[in-house]
């Protein structure tokens, strides 16, 4: 898989609704597909957390 393919997948994941990704994790029967949904959900969650932590008002 090339870097362009991975970038395309990640940019598509950024556009997806978090609820849709969580539903994919919860209701997908195929373990391989479920793992992909989980990885994309965790990626989106990490990106949101980075934005929150970067805020000036955020207290650690």
C-alpha atoms as a PDB file:
ATOM      1  CA  UNK A   1       0.000   0.000   0.000  1.00  0.00           C
ATOM      2  CA  UNK A   2       1.413   3.358  -0.974  1.00  0.00           C
ATOM      3  CA  UNK A   3       1.506   6.528   1.099  1.00  0.00           C
ATOM      4  CA  UNK A   4      -1.127   8.063  -1.171  1.00  0.00           C
ATOM      5  CA  UNK A   5      -3.501   5.175  -0.430  1.00  0.00           C
ATOM      6  CA  UNK A   6      -3.012   5.540   3.316  1.00  0.00           C
ATOM      7  CA  UNK A   7      -3.474   9.305   3.117  1.00  0.00           C
ATOM      8  CA  UNK A   8      -6.662   8.755   1.170  1.00  0.00           C
ATOM      9  CA  UNK A   9      -8.006   6.338   3.790  1.00  0.00           C
ATOM     10  CA  UNK A  10      -7.156   8.723   6.628  1.00  0.00           C
ATOM     11  CA  UNK A  11      -8.696  11.720   4.896  1.00  0.00           C
ATOM     12  CA  UNK A  12     -11.857   9.696   4.299  1.00  0.00           C
ATOM     13  CA  UNK A  13     -11.880   8.645   7.957  1.00  0.00           C
ATOM     14  CA  UNK A  14     -11.699  12.299   9.009  1.00  0.00           C
ATOM     15  CA  UNK A  15     -14.935  12.938   7.107  1.00  0.00           C
ATOM     16  CA  UNK A  16     -16.848  10.027   8.648  1.00  0.00           C
ATOM     17  CA  UNK A  17     -19.118  10.442  11.630  1.00  0.00           C
ATOM     18  CA  UNK A  18     -17.727   9.070  14.889  1.00  0.00           C
ATOM     19  CA  UNK A  19     -21.039   7.323  15.543  1.00  0.00           C
ATOM     20  CA  UNK A  20     -20.836   5.511  12.210  1.00  0.00           C
ATOM     21  CA  UNK A  21     -17.349   4.257  13.039  1.00  0.00           C
ATOM     22  CA  UNK A  22     -18.449   3.145  16.510  1.00  0.00           C
ATOM     23  CA  UNK A  23     -21.435   1.329  14.990  1.00  0.00           C
ATOM     24  CA  UNK A  24     -19.036  -0.436  12.640  1.00  0.00           C
ATOM     25  CA  UNK A  25     -16.984  -1.598  15.612  1.00  0.00           C
ATOM     26  CA  UNK A  26     -20.061  -2.714  17.510  1.00  0.00           C
ATOM     27  CA  UNK A  27     -22.125  -4.416  14.812  1.00  0.00           C
ATOM     28  CA  UNK A  28     -19.617  -5.708  12.236  1.00  0.00           C
ATOM     29  CA  UNK A  29     -19.508  -9.512  12.205  1.00  0.00           C
ATOM     30  CA  UNK A  30     -16.222  -9.909  10.316  1.00  0.00           C
ATOM     31  CA  UNK A  31     -13.318  -9.545  12.797  1.00  0.00           C
ATOM     32  CA  UNK A  32     -11.026  -8.085  10.125  1.00  0.00           C
ATOM     33  CA  UNK A  33     -13.472  -5.349   9.194  1.00  0.00           C
ATOM     34  CA  UNK A  34     -14.229  -4.738  12.854  1.00  0.00           C
ATOM     35  CA  UNK A  35     -10.509  -4.194  13.487  1.00  0.00           C
ATOM     36  CA  UNK A  36     -10.375  -1.631  10.669  1.00  0.00           C
ATOM     37  CA  UNK A  37     -13.362   0.238  12.092  1.00  0.00           C
ATOM     38  CA  UNK A  38     -11.730   0.208  15.521  1.00  0.00           C
ATOM     39  CA  UNK A  39      -8.432   1.527  14.158  1.00  0.00           C
ATOM     40  CA  UNK A  40     -10.208   4.330  12.287  1.00  0.00           C
ATOM     41  CA  UNK A  41     -12.284   5.184  15.356  1.00  0.00           C
ATOM     42  CA  UNK A  42      -9.180   5.349  17.537  1.00  0.00           C
ATOM     43  CA  UNK A  43      -7.440   7.525  14.931  1.00  0.00           C
ATOM     44  CA  UNK A  44     -10.357   9.983  14.863  1.00  0.00           C
ATOM     45  CA  UNK A  45     -10.520  10.034  18.649  1.00  0.00           C
ATOM     46  CA  UNK A  46      -6.786  10.724  18.937  1.00  0.00           C
ATOM     47  CA  UNK A  47      -7.040  13.583  16.431  1.00  0.00           C
ATOM     48  CA  UNK A  48      -9.874  15.158  18.436  1.00  0.00           C
ATOM     49  CA  UNK A  49      -7.893  14.783  21.644  1.00  0.00           C
ATOM     50  CA  UNK A  50      -4.864  16.475  20.081  1.00  0.00           C
ATOM     51  CA  UNK A  51      -7.023  19.496  19.208  1.00  0.00           C
ATOM     52  CA  UNK A  52      -8.406  19.642  22.739  1.00  0.00           C
ATOM     53  CA  UNK A  53      -4.995  19.364  24.371  1.00  0.00           C
ATOM     54  CA  UNK A  54      -3.568  22.040  22.064  1.00  0.00           C
ATOM     55  CA  UNK A  55      -6.069  24.603  23.316  1.00  0.00           C
ATOM     56  CA  UNK A  56      -4.538  27.320  25.439  1.00  0.00           C
ATOM     57  CA  UNK A  57      -7.181  26.920  28.153  1.00  0.00           C
ATOM     58  CA  UNK A  58      -6.543  23.179  28.558  1.00  0.00           C
ATOM     59  CA  UNK A  59      -5.123  22.328  31.976  1.00  0.00           C
ATOM     60  CA  UNK A  60      -3.008  19.205  32.327  1.00  0.00           C
END
